[in-house]
Amino acid sequence: MYSSNTLAMTTTLNRGKTEGQVVRDKDTAALDMWQQRVDHALKNLGDRSVLNRSSLARLAYIDELAENKYKGHILPRGLALHEILIKCITKISTELSNEPNLARACKLP
């Protein structure tokens, strides 16, 4: 539950804003949170233990992949998240490879 201080601060921060502005602010904050999670996972792509502890590893699809494909492995969620991240990077790289100025920048090391 929220404390009275948290509610008071939220009310103060939202004072003078329209309902649409408040919703946009919440959407922006949620998007920023997801971007930070993905950035953290990408920065730690080679460290399965970090990926395994990531909140992204608790997403239903990652959890299901870990259970179905990596059940007997150490850090199965880390492996599943690693697989999905690599697939996403590969897809982006493939799609951008046709862009003349981006092709060089998107090659995987």
PDB file of N, CA and C in Angstrom:
ATOM      1  N   MET A   1       0.833  -1.179   0.000  1.00  0.00           N
ATOM      2  CA  MET A   1       0.000   0.000   0.000  1.00  0.00           C
ATOM      3  C   MET A   1       0.879   1.244   0.000  1.00  0.00           C
ATOM      4  N   TYR A   2       0.331   2.336  -0.410  1.00  0.00           N
ATOM      5  CA  TYR A   2       1.073   3.589  -0.452  1.00  0.00           C
ATOM      6  C   TYR A   2       0.963   4.311   0.877  1.00  0.00           C
ATOM      7  N   SER A   3       2.034   4.969   1.254  1.00  0.00           N
ATOM      8  CA  SER A   3       2.002   5.763   2.479  1.00  0.00           C
ATOM      9  C   SER A   3       1.309   7.089   2.190  1.00  0.00           C
ATOM     10  N   SER A   4       0.933   7.765   3.237  1.00  0.00           N
ATOM     11  CA  SER A   4       0.278   9.068   3.051  1.00  0.00           C
ATOM     12  C   SER A   4       1.249  10.063   2.419  1.00  0.00           C
ATOM     13  N   ASN A   5       2.547   9.941   2.718  1.00  0.00           N
ATOM     14  CA  ASN A   5       3.542  10.834   2.096  1.00  0.00           C
ATOM     15  C   ASN A   5       3.626  10.604   0.593  1.00  0.00           C
ATOM     16  N   THR A   6       3.597   9.334   0.176  1.00  0.00           N
ATOM     17  CA  THR A   6       3.659   9.017  -1.245  1.00  0.00           C
ATOM     18  C   THR A   6       2.446   9.574  -1.966  1.00  0.00           C
ATOM     19  N   LEU A   7       1.268   9.389  -1.391  1.00  0.00           N
ATOM     20  CA  LEU A   7       0.046   9.907  -2.004  1.00  0.00           C
ATOM     21  C   LEU A   7       0.061  11.429  -2.064  1.00  0.00           C
ATOM     22  N   ALA A   8       0.552  12.064  -1.020  1.00  0.00           N
ATOM     23  CA  ALA A   8       0.617  13.525  -1.003  1.00  0.00           C
ATOM     24  C   ALA A   8       1.578  14.033  -2.070  1.00  0.00           C
ATOM     25  N   MET A   9       2.730  13.359  -2.221  1.00  0.00           N
ATOM     26  CA  MET A   9       3.696  13.779  -3.237  1.00  0.00           C
ATOM     27  C   MET A   9       3.131  13.578  -4.634  1.00  0.00           C
ATOM     28  N   THR A  10       2.445  12.455  -4.859  1.00  0.00           N
ATOM     29  CA  THR A  10       1.841  12.183  -6.162  1.00  0.00           C
ATOM     30  C   THR A  10       0.780  13.226  -6.483  1.00  0.00           C
ATOM     31  N   THR A  11      -0.044  13.553  -5.511  1.00  0.00           N
ATOM     32  CA  THR A  11      -1.074  14.562  -5.703  1.00  0.00           C
ATOM     33  C   THR A  11      -0.449  15.907  -6.029  1.00  0.00           C
ATOM     34  N   THR A  12       0.605  16.268  -5.313  1.00  0.00           N
ATOM     35  CA  THR A  12       1.289  17.537  -5.555  1.00  0.00           C
ATOM     36  C   THR A  12       1.909  17.555  -6.937  1.00  0.00           C
ATOM     37  N   LEU A  13       2.553  16.465  -7.347  1.00  0.00           N
ATOM     38  CA  LEU A  13       3.189  16.405  -8.659  1.00  0.00           C
ATOM     39  C   LEU A  13       2.166  16.489  -9.789  1.00  0.00           C
ATOM     40  N   ASN A  14       0.976  15.937  -9.574  1.00  0.00           N
ATOM     41  CA  ASN A  14      -0.031  15.897 -10.624  1.00  0.00           C
ATOM     42  C   ASN A  14      -0.961  17.111 -10.616  1.00  0.00           C
ATOM     43  N   ARG A  15      -0.844  17.982  -9.617  1.00  0.00           N
ATOM     44  CA  ARG A  15      -1.714  19.145  -9.513  1.00  0.00           C
ATOM     45  C   ARG A  15      -1.512  20.039 -10.739  1.00  0.00           C
ATOM     46  N   GLY A  16      -2.580  20.455 -11.318  1.00  0.00           N
ATOM     47  CA  GLY A  16      -2.528  21.361 -12.456  1.00  0.00           C
ATOM     48  C   GLY A  16      -2.409  20.642 -13.798  1.00  0.00           C
ATOM     49  N   LYS A  17      -2.310  19.336 -13.785  1.00  0.00           N
ATOM     50  CA  LYS A  17      -2.202  18.583 -15.032  1.00  0.00           C
ATOM     51  C   LYS A  17      -3.562  18.026 -15.408  1.00  0.00           C
ATOM     52  N   THR A  18      -3.778  17.914 -16.711  1.00  0.00           N
ATOM     53  CA  THR A  18      -5.004  17.267 -17.167  1.00  0.00           C
ATOM     54  C   THR A  18      -4.867  15.766 -16.976  1.00  0.00           C
ATOM     55  N   GLU A  19      -5.980  15.075 -17.047  1.00  0.00           N
ATOM     56  CA  GLU A  19      -5.950  13.618 -16.907  1.00  0.00           C
ATOM     57  C   GLU A  19      -5.079  12.993 -17.996  1.00  0.00           C
ATOM     58  N   GLY A  20      -5.149  13.541 -19.196  1.00  0.00           N
ATOM     59  CA  GLY A  20      -4.330  13.038 -20.305  1.00  0.00           C
ATOM     60  C   GLY A  20      -2.840  13.205 -20.037  1.00  0.00           C
ATOM     61  N   GLN A  21      -2.463  14.333 -19.439  1.00  0.00           N
ATOM     62  CA  GLN A  21      -1.059  14.566 -19.120  1.00  0.00           C
ATOM     63  C   GLN A  21      -0.569  13.582 -18.060  1.00  0.00           C
ATOM     64  N   VAL A  22      -1.401  13.318 -17.074  1.00  0.00           N
ATOM     65  CA  VAL A  22      -1.033  12.372 -16.021  1.00  0.00           C
ATOM     66  C   VAL A  22      -0.849  10.973 -16.617  1.00  0.00           C
ATOM     67  N   VAL A  23      -1.769  10.572 -17.511  1.00  0.00           N
ATOM     68  CA  VAL A  23      -1.677   9.263 -18.152  1.00  0.00           C
ATOM     69  C   VAL A  23      -0.413   9.184 -18.997  1.00  0.00           C
ATOM     70  N   ARG A  24      -0.113  10.247 -19.766  1.00  0.00           N
ATOM     71  CA  ARG A  24       1.105  10.271 -20.587  1.00  0.00           C
ATOM     72  C   ARG A  24       2.348  10.177 -19.718  1.00  0.00           C
ATOM     73  N   ASP A  25       2.356  10.869 -18.590  1.00  0.00           N
ATOM     74  CA  ASP A  25       3.496  10.812 -17.676  1.00  0.00           C
ATOM     75  C   ASP A  25       3.697   9.391 -17.157  1.00  0.00           C
ATOM     76  N   LYS A  26       2.596   8.718 -16.811  1.00  0.00           N
ATOM     77  CA  LYS A  26       2.683   7.342 -16.320  1.00  0.00           C
ATOM     78  C   LYS A  26       3.169   6.409 -17.423  1.00  0.00           C
ATOM     79  N   ASP A  27       2.658   6.613 -18.647  1.00  0.00           N
ATOM     80  CA  ASP A  27       3.091   5.787 -19.779  1.00  0.00           C
ATOM     81  C   ASP A  27       4.575   5.992 -20.062  1.00  0.00           C
ATOM     82  N   THR A  28       5.022   7.231 -20.006  1.00  0.00           N
ATOM     83  CA  THR A  28       6.435   7.543 -20.238  1.00  0.00           C
ATOM     84  C   THR A  28       7.303   6.912 -19.162  1.00  0.00           C
ATOM     85  N   ALA A  29       6.868   6.976 -17.922  1.00  0.00           N
ATOM     86  CA  ALA A  29       7.628   6.376 -16.820  1.00  0.00           C
ATOM     87  C   ALA A  29       7.704   4.861 -16.990  1.00  0.00           C
ATOM     88  N   ALA A  30       6.593   4.244 -17.408  1.00  0.00           N
ATOM     89  CA  ALA A  30       6.586   2.788 -17.617  1.00  0.00           C
ATOM     90  C   ALA A  30       7.505   2.412 -18.772  1.00  0.00           C
ATOM     91  N   LEU A  31       7.468   3.174 -19.849  1.00  0.00           N
ATOM     92  CA  LEU A  31       8.342   2.914 -20.995  1.00  0.00           C
ATOM     93  C   LEU A  31       9.807   3.075 -20.594  1.00  0.00           C
ATOM     94  N   ASP A  32      10.105   4.112 -19.838  1.00  0.00           N
ATOM     95  CA  ASP A  32      11.472   4.324 -19.358  1.00  0.00           C
ATOM     96  C   ASP A  32      11.944   3.154 -18.498  1.00  0.00           C
ATOM     97  N   MET A  33      11.063   2.649 -17.662  1.00  0.00           N
ATOM     98  CA  MET A  33      11.405   1.521 -16.796  1.00  0.00           C
ATOM     99  C   MET A  33      11.753   0.288 -17.640  1.00  0.00           C
ATOM    100  N   TRP A  34      10.946  -0.003 -18.662  1.00  0.00           N
ATOM    101  CA  TRP A  34      11.217  -1.156 -19.522  1.00  0.00           C
ATOM    102  C   TRP A  34      12.500  -0.956 -20.307  1.00  0.00           C
ATOM    103  N   GLN A  35      12.744   0.264 -20.778  1.00  0.00           N
ATOM    104  CA  GLN A  35      13.978   0.543 -21.517  1.00  0.00           C
ATOM    105  C   GLN A  35      15.199   0.334 -20.628  1.00  0.00           C
ATOM    106  N   GLN A  36      15.108   0.736 -19.367  1.00  0.00           N
ATOM    107  CA  GLN A  36      16.213   0.525 -18.431  1.00  0.00           C
ATOM    108  C   GLN A  36      16.456  -0.963 -18.207  1.00  0.00           C
ATOM    109  N   ARG A  37      15.400  -1.730 -18.097  1.00  0.00           N
ATOM    110  CA  ARG A  37      15.540  -3.178 -17.909  1.00  0.00           C
ATOM    111  C   ARG A  37      16.197  -3.835 -19.111  1.00  0.00           C
ATOM    112  N   VAL A  38      15.776  -3.441 -20.310  1.00  0.00           N
ATOM    113  CA  VAL A  38      16.363  -4.003 -21.529  1.00  0.00           C
ATOM    114  C   VAL A  38      17.819  -3.555 -21.654  1.00  0.00           C
ATOM    115  N   ASP A  39      18.098  -2.287 -21.390  1.00  0.00           N
ATOM    116  CA  ASP A  39      19.485  -1.793 -21.434  1.00  0.00           C
ATOM    117  C   ASP A  39      20.372  -2.590 -20.492  1.00  0.00           C
ATOM    118  N   HIS A  40      19.895  -2.819 -19.283  1.00  0.00           N
ATOM    119  CA  HIS A  40      20.669  -3.578 -18.293  1.00  0.00           C
ATOM    120  C   HIS A  40      20.926  -4.997 -18.786  1.00  0.00           C
ATOM    121  N   ALA A  41      19.917  -5.629 -19.355  1.00  0.00           N
ATOM    122  CA  ALA A  41      20.069  -6.991 -19.870  1.00  0.00           C
ATOM    123  C   ALA A  41      21.065  -7.024 -21.030  1.00  0.00           C
ATOM    124  N   LEU A  42      20.987  -6.043 -21.921  1.00  0.00           N
ATOM    125  CA  LEU A  42      21.907  -6.012 -23.055  1.00  0.00           C
ATOM    126  C   LEU A  42      23.346  -5.762 -22.603  1.00  0.00           C
ATOM    127  N   LYS A  43      23.520  -4.900 -21.616  1.00  0.00           N
ATOM    128  CA  LYS A  43      24.863  -4.634 -21.096  1.00  0.00           C
ATOM    129  C   LYS A  43      25.458  -5.869 -20.430  1.00  0.00           C
ATOM    130  N   ASN A  44      24.605  -6.752 -19.940  1.00  0.00           N
ATOM    131  CA  ASN A  44      25.052  -7.957 -19.243  1.00  0.00           C
ATOM    132  C   ASN A  44      24.743  -9.222 -20.037  1.00  0.00           C
ATOM    133  N   LEU A  45      24.715  -9.093 -21.347  1.00  0.00           N
ATOM    134  CA  LEU A  45      24.339 -10.195 -22.222  1.00  0.00           C
ATOM    135  C   LEU A  45      25.210 -11.433 -22.018  1.00  0.00           C
ATOM    136  N   GLY A  46      26.458 -11.251 -21.681  1.00  0.00           N
ATOM    137  CA  GLY A  46      27.356 -12.374 -21.493  1.00  0.00           C
ATOM    138  C   GLY A  46      27.345 -12.969 -20.093  1.00  0.00           C
ATOM    139  N   ASP A  47      26.556 -12.413 -19.200  1.00  0.00           N
ATOM    140  CA  ASP A  47      26.533 -12.886 -17.816  1.00  0.00           C
ATOM    141  C   ASP A  47      25.165 -13.492 -17.498  1.00  0.00           C
ATOM    142  N   ARG A  48      25.092 -14.813 -17.631  1.00  0.00           N
ATOM    143  CA  ARG A  48      23.826 -15.506 -17.419  1.00  0.00           C
ATOM    144  C   ARG A  48      23.251 -15.292 -16.031  1.00  0.00           C
ATOM    145  N   SER A  49      24.115 -15.167 -15.024  1.00  0.00           N
ATOM    146  CA  SER A  49      23.596 -14.998 -13.662  1.00  0.00           C
ATOM    147  C   SER A  49      22.885 -13.660 -13.514  1.00  0.00           C
ATOM    148  N   VAL A  50      23.396 -12.622 -14.160  1.00  0.00           N
ATOM    149  CA  VAL A  50      22.717 -11.318 -14.128  1.00  0.00           C
ATOM    150  C   VAL A  50      21.399 -11.415 -14.891  1.00  0.00           C
ATOM    151  N   LEU A  51      21.432 -12.056 -16.038  1.00  0.00           N
ATOM    152  CA  LEU A  51      20.205 -12.216 -16.824  1.00  0.00           C
ATOM    153  C   LEU A  51      19.168 -13.031 -16.055  1.00  0.00           C
ATOM    154  N   ASN A  52      19.621 -14.043 -15.356  1.00  0.00           N
ATOM    155  CA  ASN A  52      18.717 -14.891 -14.585  1.00  0.00           C
ATOM    156  C   ASN A  52      17.996 -14.101 -13.485  1.00  0.00           C
ATOM    157  N   ARG A  53      18.674 -13.092 -12.926  1.00  0.00           N
ATOM    158  CA  ARG A  53      18.080 -12.266 -11.863  1.00  0.00           C
ATOM    159  C   ARG A  53      17.265 -11.091 -12.420  1.00  0.00           C
ATOM    160  N   SER A  54      17.354 -10.859 -13.699  1.00  0.00           N
ATOM    161  CA  SER A  54      16.647  -9.737 -14.317  1.00  0.00           C
ATOM    162  C   SER A  54      15.138  -9.913 -14.206  1.00  0.00           C
ATOM    163  N   SER A  55      14.442  -8.800 -14.031  1.00  0.00           N
ATOM    164  CA  SER A  55      12.977  -8.873 -14.004  1.00  0.00           C
ATOM    165  C   SER A  55      12.432  -9.334 -15.352  1.00  0.00           C
ATOM    166  N   LEU A  56      13.187  -9.141 -16.427  1.00  0.00           N
ATOM    167  CA  LEU A  56      12.753  -9.629 -17.734  1.00  0.00           C
ATOM    168  C   LEU A  56      12.688 -11.153 -17.769  1.00  0.00           C
ATOM    169  N   ALA A  57      13.527 -11.805 -16.963  1.00  0.00           N
ATOM    170  CA  ALA A  57      13.543 -13.274 -16.922  1.00  0.00           C
ATOM    171  C   ALA A  57      12.281 -13.834 -16.278  1.00  0.00           C
ATOM    172  N   ARG A  58      11.493 -12.982 -15.655  1.00  0.00           N
ATOM    173  CA  ARG A  58      10.253 -13.444 -15.031  1.00  0.00           C
ATOM    174  C   ARG A  58       9.032 -13.235 -15.935  1.00  0.00           C
ATOM    175  N   LEU A  59       9.267 -12.739 -17.133  1.00  0.00           N
ATOM    176  CA  LEU A  59       8.161 -12.617 -18.085  1.00  0.00           C
ATOM    177  C   LEU A  59       7.671 -14.017 -18.454  1.00  0.00           C
ATOM    178  N   ALA A  60       6.386 -14.145 -18.685  1.00  0.00           N
ATOM    179  CA  ALA A  60       5.775 -15.463 -18.920  1.00  0.00           C
ATOM    180  C   ALA A  60       6.445 -16.210 -20.066  1.00  0.00           C
ATOM    181  N   TYR A  61       6.732 -15.533 -21.170  1.00  0.00           N
ATOM    182  CA  TYR A  61       7.328 -16.209 -22.328  1.00  0.00           C
ATOM    183  C   TYR A  61       8.721 -16.727 -21.999  1.00  0.00           C
ATOM    184  N   ILE A  62       9.518 -15.926 -21.294  1.00  0.00           N
ATOM    185  CA  ILE A  62      10.871 -16.333 -20.916  1.00  0.00           C
ATOM    186  C   ILE A  62      10.787 -17.505 -19.943  1.00  0.00           C
ATOM    187  N   ASP A  63       9.883 -17.420 -19.000  1.00  0.00           N
ATOM    188  CA  ASP A  63       9.702 -18.495 -18.024  1.00  0.00           C
ATOM    189  C   ASP A  63       9.309 -19.796 -18.719  1.00  0.00           C
ATOM    190  N   GLU A  64       8.413 -19.709 -19.681  1.00  0.00           N
ATOM    191  CA  GLU A  64       7.973 -20.896 -20.423  1.00  0.00           C
ATOM    192  C   GLU A  64       9.116 -21.487 -21.248  1.00  0.00           C
ATOM    193  N   LEU A  65       9.887 -20.631 -21.914  1.00  0.00           N
ATOM    194  CA  LEU A  65      11.025 -21.104 -22.698  1.00  0.00           C
ATOM    195  C   LEU A  65      12.054 -21.772 -21.790  1.00  0.00           C
ATOM    196  N   ALA A  66      12.309 -21.185 -20.642  1.00  0.00           N
ATOM    197  CA  ALA A  66      13.254 -21.761 -19.687  1.00  0.00           C
ATOM    198  C   ALA A  66      12.794 -23.139 -19.238  1.00  0.00           C
ATOM    199  N   GLU A  67      11.511 -23.271 -18.967  1.00  0.00           N
ATOM    200  CA  GLU A  67      10.954 -24.539 -18.502  1.00  0.00           C
ATOM    201  C   GLU A  67      10.997 -25.603 -19.598  1.00  0.00           C
ATOM    202  N   ASN A  68      10.669 -25.213 -20.825  1.00  0.00           N
ATOM    203  CA  ASN A  68      10.582 -26.177 -21.921  1.00  0.00           C
ATOM    204  C   ASN A  68      11.928 -26.533 -22.544  1.00  0.00           C
ATOM    205  N   LYS A  69      12.839 -25.577 -22.621  1.00  0.00           N
ATOM    206  CA  LYS A  69      14.080 -25.810 -23.361  1.00  0.00           C
ATOM    207  C   LYS A  69      15.318 -25.967 -22.466  1.00  0.00           C
ATOM    208  N   TYR A  70      15.326 -25.294 -21.320  1.00  0.00           N
ATOM    209  CA  TYR A  70      16.536 -25.245 -20.497  1.00  0.00           C
ATOM    210  C   TYR A  70      16.318 -25.792 -19.083  1.00  0.00           C
ATOM    211  N   LYS A  71      15.347 -26.653 -18.921  1.00  0.00           N
ATOM    212  CA  LYS A  71      14.951 -27.126 -17.589  1.00  0.00           C
ATOM    213  C   LYS A  71      16.099 -27.720 -16.783  1.00  0.00           C
ATOM    214  N   GLY A  72      16.959 -28.509 -17.366  1.00  0.00           N
ATOM    215  CA  GLY A  72      18.025 -29.171 -16.625  1.00  0.00           C
ATOM    216  C   GLY A  72      19.300 -28.352 -16.486  1.00  0.00           C
ATOM    217  N   HIS A  73      19.313 -27.157 -17.026  1.00  0.00           N
ATOM    218  CA  HIS A  73      20.517 -26.328 -17.022  1.00  0.00           C
ATOM    219  C   HIS A  73      20.600 -25.447 -15.777  1.00  0.00           C
ATOM    220  N   ILE A  74      21.814 -25.007 -15.499  1.00  0.00           N
ATOM    221  CA  ILE A  74      22.000 -24.012 -14.443  1.00  0.00           C
ATOM    222  C   ILE A  74      21.541 -22.666 -15.014  1.00  0.00           C
ATOM    223  N   LEU A  75      20.804 -21.912 -14.253  1.00  0.00           N
ATOM    224  CA  LEU A  75      20.290 -20.592 -14.635  1.00  0.00           C
ATOM    225  C   LEU A  75      19.459 -20.641 -15.929  1.00  0.00           C
ATOM    226  N   PRO A  76      18.410 -21.444 -15.941  1.00  0.00           N
ATOM    227  CA  PRO A  76      17.612 -21.607 -17.164  1.00  0.00           C
ATOM    228  C   PRO A  76      16.954 -20.320 -17.663  1.00  0.00           C
ATOM    229  N   ARG A  77      16.528 -19.466 -16.750  1.00  0.00           N
ATOM    230  CA  ARG A  77      15.904 -18.208 -17.185  1.00  0.00           C
ATOM    231  C   ARG A  77      16.934 -17.291 -17.832  1.00  0.00           C
ATOM    232  N   GLY A  78      18.150 -17.324 -17.325  1.00  0.00           N
ATOM    233  CA  GLY A  78      19.220 -16.537 -17.936  1.00  0.00           C
ATOM    234  C   GLY A  78      19.499 -16.998 -19.358  1.00  0.00           C
ATOM    235  N   LEU A  79      19.509 -18.309 -19.568  1.00  0.00           N
ATOM    236  CA  LEU A  79      19.704 -18.855 -20.912  1.00  0.00           C
ATOM    237  C   LEU A  79      18.553 -18.473 -21.842  1.00  0.00           C
ATOM    238  N   ALA A  80      17.351 -18.577 -21.333  1.00  0.00           N
ATOM    239  CA  ALA A  80      16.179 -18.246 -22.153  1.00  0.00           C
ATOM    240  C   ALA A  80      16.177 -16.762 -22.520  1.00  0.00           C
ATOM    241  N   LEU A  81      16.466 -15.905 -21.554  1.00  0.00           N
ATOM    242  CA  LEU A  81      16.509 -14.466 -21.842  1.00  0.00           C
ATOM    243  C   LEU A  81      17.630 -14.162 -22.826  1.00  0.00           C
ATOM    244  N   HIS A  82      18.779 -14.797 -22.662  1.00  0.00           N
ATOM    245  CA  HIS A  82      19.908 -14.613 -23.587  1.00  0.00           C
ATOM    246  C   HIS A  82      19.486 -14.982 -25.005  1.00  0.00           C
ATOM    247  N   GLU A  83      18.807 -16.125 -25.148  1.00  0.00           N
ATOM    248  CA  GLU A  83      18.355 -16.564 -26.469  1.00  0.00           C
ATOM    249  C   GLU A  83      17.430 -15.537 -27.119  1.00  0.00           C
ATOM    250  N   ILE A  84      16.473 -15.049 -26.361  1.00  0.00           N
ATOM    251  CA  ILE A  84      15.513 -14.089 -26.910  1.00  0.00           C
ATOM    252  C   ILE A  84      16.200 -12.783 -27.280  1.00  0.00           C
ATOM    253  N   LEU A  85      17.092 -12.306 -26.431  1.00  0.00           N
ATOM    254  CA  LEU A  85      17.812 -11.069 -26.743  1.00  0.00           C
ATOM    255  C   LEU A  85      18.641 -11.210 -28.014  1.00  0.00           C
ATOM    256  N   ILE A  86      19.338 -12.337 -28.164  1.00  0.00           N
ATOM    257  CA  ILE A  86      20.133 -12.572 -29.375  1.00  0.00           C
ATOM    258  C   ILE A  86      19.233 -12.615 -30.604  1.00  0.00           C
ATOM    259  N   LYS A  87      18.080 -13.273 -30.497  1.00  0.00           N
ATOM    260  CA  LYS A  87      17.147 -13.315 -31.631  1.00  0.00           C
ATOM    261  C   LYS A  87      16.673 -11.912 -32.007  1.00  0.00           C
ATOM    262  N   CYS A  88      16.386 -11.087 -31.009  1.00  0.00           N
ATOM    263  CA  CYS A  88      15.940  -9.720 -31.277  1.00  0.00           C
ATOM    264  C   CYS A  88      17.049  -8.896 -31.939  1.00  0.00           C
ATOM    265  N   ILE A  89      18.260  -9.027 -31.437  1.00  0.00           N
ATOM    266  CA  ILE A  89      19.398  -8.295 -32.009  1.00  0.00           C
ATOM    267  C   ILE A  89      19.630  -8.736 -33.453  1.00  0.00           C
ATOM    268  N   THR A  90      19.553 -10.037 -33.694  1.00  0.00           N
ATOM    269  CA  THR A  90      19.744 -10.570 -35.041  1.00  0.00           C
ATOM    270  C   THR A  90      18.671 -10.053 -35.988  1.00  0.00           C
ATOM    271  N   LYS A  91      17.434 -10.029 -35.513  1.00  0.00           N
ATOM    272  CA  LYS A  91      16.331  -9.540 -36.361  1.00  0.00           C
ATOM    273  C   LYS A  91      16.521  -8.061 -36.708  1.00  0.00           C
ATOM    274  N   ILE A  92      16.884  -7.279 -35.725  1.00  0.00           N
ATOM    275  CA  ILE A  92      17.111  -5.847 -35.974  1.00  0.00           C
ATOM    276  C   ILE A  92      18.268  -5.661 -36.931  1.00  0.00           C
ATOM    277  N   SER A  93      19.347  -6.392 -36.697  1.00  0.00           N
ATOM    278  CA  SER A  93      20.523  -6.299 -37.559  1.00  0.00           C
ATOM    279  C   SER A  93      20.183  -6.678 -38.995  1.00  0.00           C
ATOM    280  N   THR A  94      19.396  -7.734 -39.160  1.00  0.00           N
ATOM    281  CA  THR A  94      18.999  -8.180 -40.492  1.00  0.00           C
ATOM    282  C   THR A  94      18.142  -7.125 -41.189  1.00  0.00           C
ATOM    283  N   GLU A  95      17.186  -6.566 -40.450  1.00  0.00           N
ATOM    284  CA  GLU A  95      16.308  -5.558 -41.046  1.00  0.00           C
ATOM    285  C   GLU A  95      17.059  -4.287 -41.407  1.00  0.00           C
ATOM    286  N   LEU A  96      18.042  -3.931 -40.599  1.00  0.00           N
ATOM    287  CA  LEU A  96      18.786  -2.700 -40.857  1.00  0.00           C
ATOM    288  C   LEU A  96      19.936  -2.894 -41.839  1.00  0.00           C
ATOM    289  N   SER A  97      20.257  -4.129 -42.158  1.00  0.00           N
ATOM    290  CA  SER A  97      21.393  -4.380 -43.045  1.00  0.00           C
ATOM    291  C   SER A  97      21.170  -3.818 -44.441  1.00  0.00           C
ATOM    292  N   ASN A  98      19.924  -3.570 -44.809  1.00  0.00           N
ATOM    293  CA  ASN A  98      19.626  -2.994 -46.119  1.00  0.00           C
ATOM    294  C   ASN A  98      19.750  -1.475 -46.132  1.00  0.00           C
ATOM    295  N   GLU A  99      19.902  -0.882 -44.965  1.00  0.00           N
ATOM    296  CA  GLU A  99      20.070   0.565 -44.886  1.00  0.00           C
ATOM    297  C   GLU A  99      21.545   0.881 -45.116  1.00  0.00           C
ATOM    298  N   PRO A 100      21.876   1.616 -46.165  1.00  0.00           N
ATOM    299  CA  PRO A 100      23.280   1.818 -46.538  1.00  0.00           C
ATOM    300  C   PRO A 100      24.152   2.395 -45.419  1.00  0.00           C
ATOM    301  N   ASN A 101      23.676   3.389 -44.708  1.00  0.00           N
ATOM    302  CA  ASN A 101      24.503   4.030 -43.686  1.00  0.00           C
ATOM    303  C   ASN A 101      24.508   3.283 -42.361  1.00  0.00           C
ATOM    304  N   LEU A 102      23.551   2.388 -42.161  1.00  0.00           N
ATOM    305  CA  LEU A 102      23.459   1.663 -40.903  1.00  0.00           C
ATOM    306  C   LEU A 102      24.065   0.267 -40.965  1.00  0.00           C
ATOM    307  N   ALA A 103      24.276  -0.240 -42.155  1.00  0.00           N
ATOM    308  CA  ALA A 103      24.745  -1.618 -42.307  1.00  0.00           C
ATOM    309  C   ALA A 103      26.060  -1.854 -41.569  1.00  0.00           C
ATOM    310  N   ARG A 104      26.982  -0.917 -41.675  1.00  0.00           N
ATOM    311  CA  ARG A 104      28.286  -1.091 -41.005  1.00  0.00           C
ATOM    312  C   ARG A 104      28.143  -1.032 -39.498  1.00  0.00           C
ATOM    313  N   ALA A 105      27.286  -0.170 -38.980  1.00  0.00           N
ATOM    314  CA  ALA A 105      27.144   0.015 -37.540  1.00  0.00           C
ATOM    315  C   ALA A 105      26.428  -1.146 -36.859  1.00  0.00           C
ATOM    316  N   CYS A 106      25.659  -1.895 -37.600  1.00  0.00           N
ATOM    317  CA  CYS A 106      24.825  -2.944 -37.013  1.00  0.00           C
ATOM    318  C   CYS A 106      25.427  -4.332 -37.093  1.00  0.00           C
ATOM    319  N   LYS A 107      26.630  -4.458 -37.599  1.00  0.00           N
ATOM    320  CA  LYS A 107      27.251  -5.786 -37.668  1.00  0.00           C
ATOM    321  C   LYS A 107      27.623  -6.240 -36.266  1.00  0.00           C
ATOM    322  N   LEU A 108      27.273  -7.492 -35.985  1.00  0.00           N
ATOM    323  CA  LEU A 108      27.618  -8.053 -34.678  1.00  0.00           C
ATOM    324  C   LEU A 108      29.104  -8.363 -34.654  1.00  0.00           C
ATOM    325  N   PRO A 109      29.765  -8.111 -33.509  1.00  0.00           N
ATOM    326  CA  PRO A 109      31.203  -8.382 -33.421  1.00  0.00           C
ATOM    327  C   PRO A 109      31.513  -9.861 -33.496  1.00  0.00           C
TER     328      PRO A 109
END
